[in-house]
C-alpha atoms as a PDB file:
ATOM      1  CA  MET A   1      49.729  66.215 150.509  1.00  0.00           C
ATOM      2  CA  LYS A   2      53.219  67.119 151.735  1.00  0.00           C
ATOM      3  CA  ALA A   3      53.775  63.700 153.302  1.00  0.00           C
ATOM      4  CA  LEU A   4      52.630  61.957 150.133  1.00  0.00           C
ATOM      5  CA  ARG A   5      54.906  64.154 147.993  1.00  0.00           C
ATOM      6  CA  LEU A   6      57.888  63.288 150.187  1.00  0.00           C
ATOM      7  CA  LEU A   7      57.042  59.593 149.878  1.00  0.00           C
ATOM      8  CA  VAL A   8      56.814  59.880 146.090  1.00  0.00           C
ATOM      9  CA  ILE A   9      60.127  61.751 145.912  1.00  0.00           C
ATOM     10  CA  PHE A  10      61.808  59.066 148.025  1.00  0.00           C
ATOM     11  CA  ALA A  11      60.317  56.342 145.797  1.00  0.00           C
ATOM     12  CA  ALA A  12      61.580  58.167 142.688  1.00  0.00           C
ATOM     13  CA  VAL A  13      65.115  58.373 144.099  1.00  0.00           C
ATOM     14  CA  LEU A  14      64.957  54.677 144.960  1.00  0.00           C
ATOM     15  CA  ALA A  15      63.651  53.888 141.451  1.00  0.00           C
ATOM     16  CA  LEU A  16      66.637  55.662 139.893  1.00  0.00           C
ATOM     17  CA  PHE A  17      68.973  53.698 142.163  1.00  0.00           C
ATOM     18  CA  VAL A  18      67.254  50.431 141.181  1.00  0.00           C
ATOM     19  CA  VAL A  19      67.672  51.281 137.470  1.00  0.00           C
ATOM     20  CA  MET A  20      71.392  51.885 137.947  1.00  0.00           C
ATOM     21  CA  LEU A  21      71.760  48.809 140.164  1.00  0.00           C
ATOM     22  CA  GLY A  22      70.036  46.771 137.453  1.00  0.00           C
ATOM     23  CA  ALA A  23      72.535  48.105 134.926  1.00  0.00           C
ATOM     24  CA  TYR A  24      75.396  47.163 137.264  1.00  0.00           C
ATOM     25  CA  THR A  25      73.922  43.668 137.652  1.00  0.00           C
ATOM     26  CA  ARG A  26      73.642  43.248 133.896  1.00  0.00           C
ATOM     27  CA  LEU A  27      77.090  44.659 133.120  1.00  0.00           C
ATOM     28  CA  THR A  28      78.818  42.425 135.666  1.00  0.00           C
ATOM     29  CA  ASP A  29      77.137  39.346 134.131  1.00  0.00           C
ATOM     30  CA  ALA A  30      75.183  38.746 137.348  1.00  0.00           C
ATOM     31  CA  GLY A  31      71.793  38.563 135.642  1.00  0.00           C
ATOM     32  CA  LEU A  32      71.847  34.772 135.992  1.00  0.00           C
ATOM     33  CA  GLY A  33      73.718  34.838 139.308  1.00  0.00           C
ATOM     34  CA  CYS A  34      70.602  33.209 140.727  1.00  0.00           C
ATOM     35  CA  PRO A  35      69.188  30.513 138.418  1.00  0.00           C
ATOM     36  CA  ASP A  36      65.778  30.554 140.138  1.00  0.00           C
ATOM     37  CA  TRP A  37      63.210  33.220 141.110  1.00  0.00           C
ATOM     38  CA  PRO A  38      62.257  34.853 143.464  1.00  0.00           C
ATOM     39  CA  GLY A  39      64.755  33.071 145.696  1.00  0.00           C
ATOM     40  CA  CYS A  40      68.356  32.191 144.960  1.00  0.00           C
ATOM     41  CA  TYR A  41      69.334  28.517 144.951  1.00  0.00           C
ATOM     42  CA  GLY A  42      66.155  27.795 146.878  1.00  0.00           C
ATOM     43  CA  HIS A  43      66.599  30.534 149.501  1.00  0.00           C
ATOM     44  CA  MET A  44      65.630  34.175 149.906  1.00  0.00           C
ATOM     45  CA  ILE A  45      69.028  34.803 151.536  1.00  0.00           C
ATOM     46  CA  ILE A  46      72.302  33.775 149.875  1.00  0.00           C
ATOM     47  CA  GLN A  47      73.551  30.382 151.085  1.00  0.00           C
ATOM     48  CA  GLN A  48      74.429  26.983 149.709  1.00  0.00           C
ATOM     49  CA  PRO A  49      71.806  25.279 147.500  1.00  0.00           C
ATOM     50  CA  SER A  50      69.228  23.330 149.499  1.00  0.00           C
ATOM     51  CA  SER A  51      68.943  20.502 146.954  1.00  0.00           C
ATOM     52  CA  GLN A  52      70.585  18.951 143.922  1.00  0.00           C
ATOM     53  CA  HIS A  53      68.191  20.848 141.650  1.00  0.00           C
ATOM     54  CA  HIS A  54      70.536  23.766 140.894  1.00  0.00           C
ATOM     55  CA  LEU A  55      73.905  22.076 141.254  1.00  0.00           C
ATOM     56  CA  SER A  56      74.301  21.972 137.466  1.00  0.00           C
ATOM     57  CA  THR A  57      74.782  25.757 137.742  1.00  0.00           C
ATOM     58  CA  PRO A  58      78.053  26.699 139.464  1.00  0.00           C
ATOM     59  CA  VAL A  59      77.524  28.844 142.545  1.00  0.00           C
ATOM     60  CA  GLU A  60      79.148  32.268 142.144  1.00  0.00           C
ATOM     61  CA  SER A  61      78.560  33.987 145.455  1.00  0.00           C
ATOM     62  CA  ARG A  62      79.457  37.493 144.287  1.00  0.00           C
ATOM     63  CA  LYS A  63      77.106  37.388 141.298  1.00  0.00           C
ATOM     64  CA  ALA A  64      74.353  35.782 143.359  1.00  0.00           C
ATOM     65  CA  LEU A  65      74.691  38.483 146.008  1.00  0.00           C
ATOM     66  CA  THR A  66      74.573  41.234 143.369  1.00  0.00           C
ATOM     67  CA  GLU A  67      71.416  39.776 141.846  1.00  0.00           C
ATOM     68  CA  MET A  68      69.688  39.321 145.210  1.00  0.00           C
ATOM     69  CA  VAL A  69      70.560  42.846 146.393  1.00  0.00           C
ATOM     70  CA  HIS A  70      68.973  44.130 143.197  1.00  0.00           C
ATOM     71  CA  ARG A  71      65.868  42.077 143.925  1.00  0.00           C
ATOM     72  CA  TYR A  72      65.699  43.338 147.527  1.00  0.00           C
ATOM     73  CA  PHE A  73      65.776  46.975 146.444  1.00  0.00           C
ATOM     74  CA  ALA A  74      63.313  46.345 143.612  1.00  0.00           C
ATOM     75  CA  GLY A  75      60.960  44.656 146.082  1.00  0.00           C
ATOM     76  CA  THR A  76      61.255  47.619 148.452  1.00  0.00           C
ATOM     77  CA  LEU A  77      60.404  49.981 145.613  1.00  0.00           C
ATOM     78  CA  ALA A  78      57.379  47.879 144.661  1.00  0.00           C
ATOM     79  CA  SER A  79      56.169  47.999 148.267  1.00  0.00           C
ATOM     80  CA  LEU A  80      56.523  51.790 148.340  1.00  0.00           C
ATOM     81  CA  ILE A  81      54.498  52.133 145.149  1.00  0.00           C
ATOM     82  CA  PHE A  82      51.724  50.010 146.662  1.00  0.00           C
ATOM     83  CA  VAL A  83      51.801  52.230 149.782  1.00  0.00           C
ATOM     84  CA  ILE A  84      51.500  55.313 147.556  1.00  0.00           C
ATOM     85  CA  TRP A  85      48.574  53.752 145.713  1.00  0.00           C
ATOM     86  CA  PHE A  86      46.750  52.855 148.938  1.00  0.00           C
ATOM     87  CA  SER A  87      47.414  56.352 150.317  1.00  0.00           C
ATOM     88  CA  VAL A  88      45.836  57.883 147.222  1.00  0.00           C
ATOM     89  CA  LEU A  89      42.797  55.589 147.439  1.00  0.00           C
ATOM     90  CA  LEU A  90      42.293  56.288 151.145  1.00  0.00           C
ATOM     91  CA  GLY A  91      42.802  60.025 150.675  1.00  0.00           C
ATOM     92  CA  ASN A  92      40.234  60.155 147.876  1.00  0.00           C
ATOM     93  CA  ARG A  93      37.671  58.416 150.081  1.00  0.00           C
ATOM     94  CA  GLY A  94      37.862  61.444 152.331  1.00  0.00           C
ATOM     95  CA  LYS A  95      37.951  65.096 151.355  1.00  0.00           C
ATOM     96  CA  LYS A  96      41.249  64.973 149.452  1.00  0.00           C
ATOM     97  CA  LYS A  97      41.364  64.723 145.676  1.00  0.00           C
ATOM     98  CA  TYR A  98      44.618  63.083 144.632  1.00  0.00           C
ATOM     99  CA  PRO A  99      45.243  62.134 140.991  1.00  0.00           C
ATOM    100  CA  SER A 100      44.546  58.389 140.976  1.00  0.00           C
ATOM    101  CA  ARG A 101      45.043  57.250 137.383  1.00  0.00           C
ATOM    102  CA  LEU A 102      48.846  57.348 137.369  1.00  0.00           C
ATOM    103  CA  PRO A 103      49.339  55.545 140.739  1.00  0.00           C
ATOM    104  CA  SER A 104      47.038  52.757 139.481  1.00  0.00           C
ATOM    105  CA  LEU A 105      49.052  52.555 136.261  1.00  0.00           C
ATOM    106  CA  LEU A 106      52.290  52.403 138.254  1.00  0.00           C
ATOM    107  CA  VAL A 107      50.948  49.467 140.283  1.00  0.00           C
ATOM    108  CA  LEU A 108      50.153  47.569 137.073  1.00  0.00           C
ATOM    109  CA  LEU A 109      53.576  48.447 135.697  1.00  0.00           C
ATOM    110  CA  VAL A 110      55.256  47.173 138.867  1.00  0.00           C
ATOM    111  CA  LEU A 111      53.404  43.858 138.588  1.00  0.00           C
ATOM    112  CA  PHE A 112      54.443  43.510 134.949  1.00  0.00           C
ATOM    113  CA  GLN A 113      57.989  44.518 135.875  1.00  0.00           C
ATOM    114  CA  ALA A 114      58.077  41.717 138.449  1.00  0.00           C
ATOM    115  CA  ALA A 115      56.990  39.274 135.754  1.00  0.00           C
ATOM    116  CA  LEU A 116      59.740  40.569 133.467  1.00  0.00           C
ATOM    117  CA  GLY A 117      62.242  40.106 136.286  1.00  0.00           C
ATOM    118  CA  MET A 118      61.165  36.484 136.624  1.00  0.00           C
ATOM    119  CA  TRP A 119      61.282  35.895 132.855  1.00  0.00           C
ATOM    120  CA  THR A 120      64.745  37.469 132.695  1.00  0.00           C
ATOM    121  CA  VAL A 121      65.965  34.558 134.809  1.00  0.00           C
ATOM    122  CA  THR A 122      63.724  31.726 133.617  1.00  0.00           C
ATOM    123  CA  LEU A 123      64.209  32.613 129.923  1.00  0.00           C
ATOM    124  CA  LYS A 124      67.970  33.044 130.441  1.00  0.00           C
ATOM    125  CA  LEU A 125      68.369  36.707 129.496  1.00  0.00           C
ATOM    126  CA  LEU A 126      66.135  36.573 126.434  1.00  0.00           C
ATOM    127  CA  PRO A 127      67.011  39.926 124.749  1.00  0.00           C
ATOM    128  CA  VAL A 128      63.473  41.232 124.294  1.00  0.00           C
ATOM    129  CA  VAL A 129      62.740  40.538 127.971  1.00  0.00           C
ATOM    130  CA  VAL A 130      65.955  42.207 129.144  1.00  0.00           C
ATOM    131  CA  MET A 131      65.166  45.267 127.020  1.00  0.00           C
ATOM    132  CA  GLY A 132      61.596  45.352 128.336  1.00  0.00           C
ATOM    133  CA  HIS A 133      62.840  45.091 131.914  1.00  0.00           C
ATOM    134  CA  LEU A 134      65.075  48.135 131.416  1.00  0.00           C
ATOM    135  CA  LEU A 135      62.245  50.122 129.811  1.00  0.00           C
ATOM    136  CA  GLY A 136      59.899  49.152 132.628  1.00  0.00           C
ATOM    137  CA  GLY A 137      62.298  50.338 135.327  1.00  0.00           C
ATOM    138  CA  ILE A 138      62.946  53.662 133.616  1.00  0.00           C
ATOM    139  CA  SER A 139      59.220  54.128 132.945  1.00  0.00           C
ATOM    140  CA  ILE A 140      58.462  53.616 136.644  1.00  0.00           C
ATOM    141  CA  PHE A 141      61.024  56.275 137.556  1.00  0.00           C
ATOM    142  CA  ALA A 142      59.613  58.719 134.991  1.00  0.00           C
ATOM    143  CA  GLY A 143      56.061  57.979 136.147  1.00  0.00           C
ATOM    144  CA  LEU A 144      56.941  58.715 139.766  1.00  0.00           C
ATOM    145  CA  CYS A 145      58.541  62.015 138.709  1.00  0.00           C
ATOM    146  CA  TYR A 146      55.411  62.952 136.766  1.00  0.00           C
ATOM    147  CA  PHE A 147      53.165  62.046 139.711  1.00  0.00           C
ATOM    148  CA  GLN A 148      55.301  64.210 141.988  1.00  0.00           C
ATOM    149  CA  MET A 149      54.615  67.096 139.616  1.00  0.00           C
ATOM    150  CA  GLN A 150      50.897  66.336 139.740  1.00  0.00           C
ATOM    151  CA  LEU A 151      51.031  66.651 143.526  1.00  0.00           C
ATOM    152  CA  SER A 152      52.965  69.921 143.291  1.00  0.00           C
ATOM    153  CA  PRO A 153      51.338  73.374 143.513  1.00  0.00           C
ATOM    154  CA  TYR A 154      52.380  74.337 139.960  1.00  0.00           C
ATOM    155  CA  LYS A 155      49.287  75.224 137.944  1.00  0.00           C
ATOM    156  CA  GLY A 156      48.798  77.497 135.001  1.00  0.00           C
ATOM    157  CA  PRO A 157      47.614  77.977 131.403  1.00  0.00           C
ATOM    158  CA  LYS A 158      47.918  75.127 128.940  1.00  0.00           C
ATOM    159  CA  ARG A 159      50.326  75.329 125.990  1.00  0.00           C
ATOM    160  CA  PRO A 160      49.125  72.596 123.584  1.00  0.00           C
ATOM    161  CA  GLY A 161      51.672  73.492 120.898  1.00  0.00           C
ATOM    162  CA  TRP A 162      54.635  73.004 123.229  1.00  0.00           C
ATOM    163  CA  ARG A 163      52.980  69.948 124.735  1.00  0.00           C
ATOM    164  CA  PHE A 164      53.045  68.248 121.326  1.00  0.00           C
ATOM    165  CA  PHE A 165      56.719  68.976 120.640  1.00  0.00           C
ATOM    166  CA  ILE A 166      57.780  67.978 124.146  1.00  0.00           C
ATOM    167  CA  GLY A 167      55.668  64.833 123.926  1.00  0.00           C
ATOM    168  CA  LEU A 168      57.359  63.963 120.631  1.00  0.00           C
ATOM    169  CA  GLY A 169      60.706  64.454 122.373  1.00  0.00           C
ATOM    170  CA  ALA A 170      59.642  62.040 125.106  1.00  0.00           C
ATOM    171  CA  VAL A 171      58.741  59.419 122.478  1.00  0.00           C
ATOM    172  CA  LEU A 172      62.106  59.839 120.760  1.00  0.00           C
ATOM    173  CA  VAL A 173      63.997  59.528 124.047  1.00  0.00           C
ATOM    174  CA  PHE A 174      61.994  56.412 124.946  1.00  0.00           C
ATOM    175  CA  LEU A 175      62.774  54.794 121.593  1.00  0.00           C
ATOM    176  CA  GLN A 176      66.461  55.654 121.950  1.00  0.00           C
ATOM    177  CA  ILE A 177      66.495  54.063 125.406  1.00  0.00           C
ATOM    178  CA  ALA A 178      64.885  50.974 123.847  1.00  0.00           C
ATOM    179  CA  LEU A 179      67.715  50.896 121.294  1.00  0.00           C
ATOM    180  CA  GLY A 180      70.245  51.192 124.118  1.00  0.00           C
ATOM    181  CA  GLY A 181      68.521  48.351 125.929  1.00  0.00           C
ATOM    182  CA  TRP A 182      68.708  46.246 122.774  1.00  0.00           C
ATOM    183  CA  VAL A 183      72.439  46.992 122.504  1.00  0.00           C
ATOM    184  CA  SER A 184      72.956  45.909 126.105  1.00  0.00           C
ATOM    185  CA  ALA A 185      70.731  42.817 125.864  1.00  0.00           C
ATOM    186  CA  ASN A 186      72.716  41.588 122.842  1.00  0.00           C
ATOM    187  CA  TYR A 187      76.132  42.501 124.305  1.00  0.00           C
ATOM    188  CA  ALA A 188      76.847  44.887 121.437  1.00  0.00           C
ATOM    189  CA  GLY A 189      78.255  47.726 123.542  1.00  0.00           C
ATOM    190  CA  VAL A 190      81.787  47.365 122.188  1.00  0.00           C
ATOM    191  CA  ALA A 191      80.940  46.000 118.740  1.00  0.00           C
ATOM    192  CA  CYS A 192      81.896  49.398 117.294  1.00  0.00           C
ATOM    193  CA  VAL A 193      85.171  50.646 118.760  1.00  0.00           C
ATOM    194  CA  GLY A 194      86.161  54.266 118.282  1.00  0.00           C
ATOM    195  CA  PHE A 195      84.269  57.467 117.537  1.00  0.00           C
ATOM    196  CA  PRO A 196      82.970  58.802 115.199  1.00  0.00           C
ATOM    197  CA  ARG A 197      84.085  55.903 113.019  1.00  0.00           C
ATOM    198  CA  CYS A 198      83.207  52.285 113.760  1.00  0.00           C
ATOM    199  CA  ASN A 199      86.215  49.987 113.859  1.00  0.00           C
ATOM    200  CA  GLY A 200      88.053  52.397 111.586  1.00  0.00           C
ATOM    201  CA  ILE A 201      85.328  52.771 108.921  1.00  0.00           C
ATOM    202  CA  TRP A 202      82.663  55.425 108.425  1.00  0.00           C
ATOM    203  CA  TRP A 203      79.739  53.221 107.416  1.00  0.00           C
ATOM    204  CA  PRO A 204      79.789  49.499 108.253  1.00  0.00           C
ATOM    205  CA  ILE A 205      77.820  46.814 106.452  1.00  0.00           C
ATOM    206  CA  LEU A 206      74.439  46.567 108.175  1.00  0.00           C
ATOM    207  CA  HIS A 207      72.221  43.532 108.809  1.00  0.00           C
ATOM    208  CA  PHE A 208      68.860  44.945 109.895  1.00  0.00           C
ATOM    209  CA  SER A 209      66.762  41.770 109.679  1.00  0.00           C
ATOM    210  CA  LYS A 210      69.125  39.805 111.918  1.00  0.00           C
ATOM    211  CA  GLY A 211      69.988  42.706 114.190  1.00  0.00           C
ATOM    212  CA  PHE A 212      66.415  43.622 115.103  1.00  0.00           C
ATOM    213  CA  ASN A 213      64.662  40.289 115.274  1.00  0.00           C
ATOM    214  CA  LEU A 214      62.681  40.568 118.515  1.00  0.00           C
ATOM    215  CA  PHE A 215      61.539  36.946 118.407  1.00  0.00           C
ATOM    216  CA  SER A 216      64.698  35.143 119.489  1.00  0.00           C
ATOM    217  CA  SER A 217      64.554  31.432 120.231  1.00  0.00           C
ATOM    218  CA  ILE A 218      63.400  30.536 123.730  1.00  0.00           C
ATOM    219  CA  GLY A 219      65.579  28.077 125.615  1.00  0.00           C
ATOM    220  CA  ALA A 220      69.040  29.298 124.655  1.00  0.00           C
ATOM    221  CA  ASN A 221      71.316  30.982 127.193  1.00  0.00           C
ATOM    222  CA  TYR A 222      71.859  34.542 125.981  1.00  0.00           C
ATOM    223  CA  GLN A 223      74.493  35.545 128.540  1.00  0.00           C
ATOM    224  CA  GLY A 224      77.411  36.980 126.567  1.00  0.00           C
ATOM    225  CA  GLY A 225      75.277  37.241 123.443  1.00  0.00           C
ATOM    226  CA  VAL A 226      74.773  34.822 120.551  1.00  0.00           C
ATOM    227  CA  LEU A 227      74.838  37.147 117.530  1.00  0.00           C
ATOM    228  CA  ASP A 228      77.870  37.345 115.264  1.00  0.00           C
ATOM    229  CA  SER A 229      80.083  40.409 115.085  1.00  0.00           C
ATOM    230  CA  GLY A 230      78.492  41.953 111.987  1.00  0.00           C
ATOM    231  CA  VAL A 231      75.007  41.833 113.494  1.00  0.00           C
ATOM    232  CA  ARG A 232      76.180  43.371 116.758  1.00  0.00           C
ATOM    233  CA  ILE A 233      77.878  46.146 114.796  1.00  0.00           C
ATOM    234  CA  THR A 234      74.514  46.870 113.138  1.00  0.00           C
ATOM    235  CA  ILE A 235      72.778  47.209 116.514  1.00  0.00           C
ATOM    236  CA  GLN A 236      75.474  49.481 117.912  1.00  0.00           C
ATOM    237  CA  TRP A 237      75.610  51.635 114.757  1.00  0.00           C
ATOM    238  CA  VAL A 238      71.840  52.190 114.676  1.00  0.00           C
ATOM    239  CA  HIS A 239      71.966  53.202 118.347  1.00  0.00           C
ATOM    240  CA  ARG A 240      74.643  55.755 117.444  1.00  0.00           C
ATOM    241  CA  LEU A 241      72.562  57.153 114.595  1.00  0.00           C
ATOM    242  CA  GLY A 242      69.590  57.379 116.934  1.00  0.00           C
ATOM    243  CA  ALA A 243      71.716  59.295 119.418  1.00  0.00           C
ATOM    244  CA  PHE A 244      72.490  61.961 116.803  1.00  0.00           C
ATOM    245  CA  VAL A 245      68.823  62.286 115.830  1.00  0.00           C
ATOM    246  CA  VAL A 246      67.519  62.469 119.393  1.00  0.00           C
ATOM    247  CA  ALA A 247      70.286  64.780 120.598  1.00  0.00           C
ATOM    248  CA  GLY A 248      69.721  67.120 117.649  1.00  0.00           C
ATOM    249  CA  TYR A 249      65.982  67.298 118.227  1.00  0.00           C
ATOM    250  CA  MET A 250      66.294  67.795 121.987  1.00  0.00           C
ATOM    251  CA  VAL A 251      68.947  70.518 121.619  1.00  0.00           C
ATOM    252  CA  ILE A 252      66.721  72.432 119.192  1.00  0.00           C
ATOM    253  CA  LEU A 253      63.709  71.970 121.488  1.00  0.00           C
ATOM    254  CA  GLY A 254      65.647  72.988 124.582  1.00  0.00           C
ATOM    255  CA  LEU A 255      67.099  76.105 122.961  1.00  0.00           C
ATOM    256  CA  ALA A 256      63.681  77.083 121.574  1.00  0.00           C
ATOM    257  CA  ILE A 257      62.146  76.901 125.033  1.00  0.00           C
ATOM    258  CA  VAL A 258      65.038  78.824 126.589  1.00  0.00           C
ATOM    259  CA  LEU A 259      64.586  81.617 124.041  1.00  0.00           C
ATOM    260  CA  ARG A 260      60.786  81.585 124.177  1.00  0.00           C
ATOM    261  CA  PHE A 261      60.167  81.514 127.919  1.00  0.00           C
ATOM    262  CA  LYS A 262      61.603  83.873 130.505  1.00  0.00           C
ATOM    263  CA  LYS A 263      61.644  83.344 134.276  1.00  0.00           C
ATOM    264  CA  SER A 264      59.679  80.122 134.078  1.00  0.00           C
ATOM    265  CA  LYS A 265      60.146  76.642 135.481  1.00  0.00           C
ATOM    266  CA  LEU A 266      59.830  75.239 131.988  1.00  0.00           C
ATOM    267  CA  ARG A 267      62.895  77.267 130.984  1.00  0.00           C
ATOM    268  CA  LEU A 268      64.806  75.885 133.972  1.00  0.00           C
ATOM    269  CA  PHE A 269      63.953  72.333 132.934  1.00  0.00           C
ATOM    270  CA  ALA A 270      65.054  73.129 129.380  1.00  0.00           C
ATOM    271  CA  TRP A 271      68.490  74.079 130.716  1.00  0.00           C
ATOM    272  CA  ILE A 272      68.582  70.798 132.664  1.00  0.00           C
ATOM    273  CA  LEU A 273      67.610  68.974 129.472  1.00  0.00           C
ATOM    274  CA  LEU A 274      70.467  70.546 127.517  1.00  0.00           C
ATOM    275  CA  PHE A 275      72.930  69.670 130.282  1.00  0.00           C
ATOM    276  CA  LEU A 276      71.762  66.042 130.392  1.00  0.00           C
ATOM    277  CA  ILE A 277      72.002  65.709 126.597  1.00  0.00           C
ATOM    278  CA  LEU A 278      75.597  66.909 126.748  1.00  0.00           C
ATOM    279  CA  ILE A 279      76.472  64.492 129.568  1.00  0.00           C
ATOM    280  CA  GLN A 280      74.731  61.544 127.884  1.00  0.00           C
ATOM    281  CA  PHE A 281      76.523  62.157 124.612  1.00  0.00           C
ATOM    282  CA  ALA A 282      79.885  62.372 126.382  1.00  0.00           C
ATOM    283  CA  LEU A 283      79.191  59.155 128.334  1.00  0.00           C
ATOM    284  CA  GLY A 284      78.178  57.371 125.130  1.00  0.00           C
ATOM    285  CA  ILE A 285      81.425  58.388 123.434  1.00  0.00           C
ATOM    286  CA  ALA A 286      83.423  57.304 126.495  1.00  0.00           C
ATOM    287  CA  ASN A 287      81.727  53.896 126.380  1.00  0.00           C
ATOM    288  CA  VAL A 288      82.903  53.133 122.837  1.00  0.00           C
ATOM    289  CA  VAL A 289      86.314  54.783 123.076  1.00  0.00           C
ATOM    290  CA  TYR A 290      87.318  53.218 126.408  1.00  0.00           C
ATOM    291  CA  LEU A 291      85.573  49.861 125.827  1.00  0.00           C
ATOM    292  CA  LEU A 292      82.577  50.147 128.137  1.00  0.00           C
ATOM    293  CA  PRO A 293      84.039  51.098 131.549  1.00  0.00           C
ATOM    294  CA  LEU A 294      81.670  49.729 134.191  1.00  0.00           C
ATOM    295  CA  TRP A 295      80.809  52.951 136.017  1.00  0.00           C
ATOM    296  CA  VAL A 296      80.560  54.959 132.795  1.00  0.00           C
ATOM    297  CA  ALA A 297      78.045  52.437 131.455  1.00  0.00           C
ATOM    298  CA  VAL A 298      76.083  52.493 134.721  1.00  0.00           C
ATOM    299  CA  LEU A 299      75.977  56.304 134.677  1.00  0.00           C
ATOM    300  CA  HIS A 300      74.856  56.169 131.036  1.00  0.00           C
ATOM    301  CA  ASN A 301      71.821  54.139 132.144  1.00  0.00           C
ATOM    302  CA  GLY A 302      71.098  56.553 134.971  1.00  0.00           C
ATOM    303  CA  GLY A 303      71.463  59.506 132.607  1.00  0.00           C
ATOM    304  CA  ALA A 304      68.924  57.969 130.239  1.00  0.00           C
ATOM    305  CA  ALA A 305      66.430  57.648 133.082  1.00  0.00           C
ATOM    306  CA  LEU A 306      66.992  61.255 134.148  1.00  0.00           C
ATOM    307  CA  LEU A 307      66.634  62.451 130.575  1.00  0.00           C
ATOM    308  CA  LEU A 308      63.264  60.747 130.078  1.00  0.00           C
ATOM    309  CA  ALA A 309      62.015  61.963 133.470  1.00  0.00           C
ATOM    310  CA  THR A 310      63.059  65.532 132.634  1.00  0.00           C
ATOM    311  CA  VAL A 311      61.168  65.521 129.333  1.00  0.00           C
ATOM    312  CA  VAL A 312      58.127  63.972 131.010  1.00  0.00           C
ATOM    313  CA  MET A 313      58.108  66.687 133.695  1.00  0.00           C
ATOM    314  CA  MET A 314      58.527  69.343 130.995  1.00  0.00           C
ATOM    315  CA  ARG A 315      55.416  67.985 129.335  1.00  0.00           C
ATOM    316  CA  TYR A 316      53.545  68.414 132.598  1.00  0.00           C
ATOM    317  CA  LEU A 317      54.725  72.008 132.880  1.00  0.00           C
ATOM    318  CA  ALA A 318      53.692  72.711 129.300  1.00  0.00           C
ATOM    319  CA  THR A 319      50.296  71.162 129.996  1.00  0.00           C
ATOM    320  CA  GLU A 320      49.341  72.953 133.198  1.00  0.00           C
ATOM    321  CA  GLY A 321      52.377  74.356 134.957  1.00  0.00           C
ATOM    322  CA  CYS A 322      53.647  77.395 133.032  1.00  0.00           C
ATOM    323  CA  VAL A 323      52.394  80.006 135.457  1.00  0.00           C
ATOM    324  CA  ASP A 324      55.377  82.327 135.259  1.00  0.00           C
ATOM    325  CA  VAL A 325      56.092  85.232 132.951  1.00  0.00           C
ATOM    326  CA  ILE A 326      55.926  84.237 129.287  1.00  0.00           C
ATOM    327  CA  LYS A 327      57.775  86.050 126.525  1.00  0.00           C
ATOM    328  CA  HIS A 328      55.425  86.920 123.644  1.00  0.00           C
END
C-alpha cells in the first residue's frame, strides 16, 4: 500500500507539471510546433524533416522542442498511470483490496487525452479540442489526488450534507476552468484590459451566440484565434463574471467549514482552499492588468488544477474521512 501511494503521489506531481507545461506550450504558440503526431516532422526526436511532406510548414526548432518535451512528459505520465492500474489489478488478485474503479477510469481518461492531443495537432488547435485537452489534464491530476486519498488511512463518519455542498463547489470550479480553457483556446486572454473595468467600461456589449459556439469549422488554423475583438471580449468578460461567482461560493464554503469543524483535516483543507482562491484571483487580475505575463498565466493554470484537486479531496474527507473532533 505504501509503495503504491508513493507511486500515485509521484504521478500526481508529474500530472501537475504536465498541466503547467501544456499551458506553457500553448502560451508560447508551440501547440503546432510539430505539424504531425505522435512524431515531429516524421521523427520521435527533433531533427530535420525526413521528407517533403511537411516542408510547407516552416521548421521552428524551439517550438518543436517545446511541443515534443510536453509529449515526452505526457507519455511518461500515461505509462505511470498504466503501471498504477496494473498494480491495482494484480494486488486485488491476491489478498489486497485496492479501490479499482478510479484507476480504470483514469486509464480511459488517459487514452481519450491522447486522442485529444492528436486532434489538437491534426485539427489545428480547434478551440473545443484545446479546451477539452486542458480539462482532461486537470481531471487526471484531480483523479490521482482523489485516488491517493482512497489509499490513505483516513476513515470516518459520512457527512452527506457537506458532501453535497463540496461536490457543488467542485462542479463550479470545473465549469470555471472550462471557461478559462475557452478563453485560452480563442486567444481572448487580453481582450479585456484592466480591472475591474474592461477596456475602460463597466459592461461591454456581449455576443453570446458567437462567443460560445462550440462547433467551430474544421480545417481552419486557429493559432492566434479567428474571432473578432467584440466576441473575444464576451468570452473574457463571462470568465471574469464566473470568477466572482465561484470565488464567492468557495469563500463562503471554506469559511463555513472552518467555523464548523475543529481540529480536523477537512478544516485544514478549507484553509488551503481559501488560500488558493486568493492566489487564483490575484493571478487572474495580474493577467489582465499586465497583459498576460507568461509565468503568471502558467501559474494561473497550475492554480486551477490545485484548486480542483483540493475541492475533490475535501469531498473525499466529507464522505468518509472526517474522523477528528467535530464541533456540534
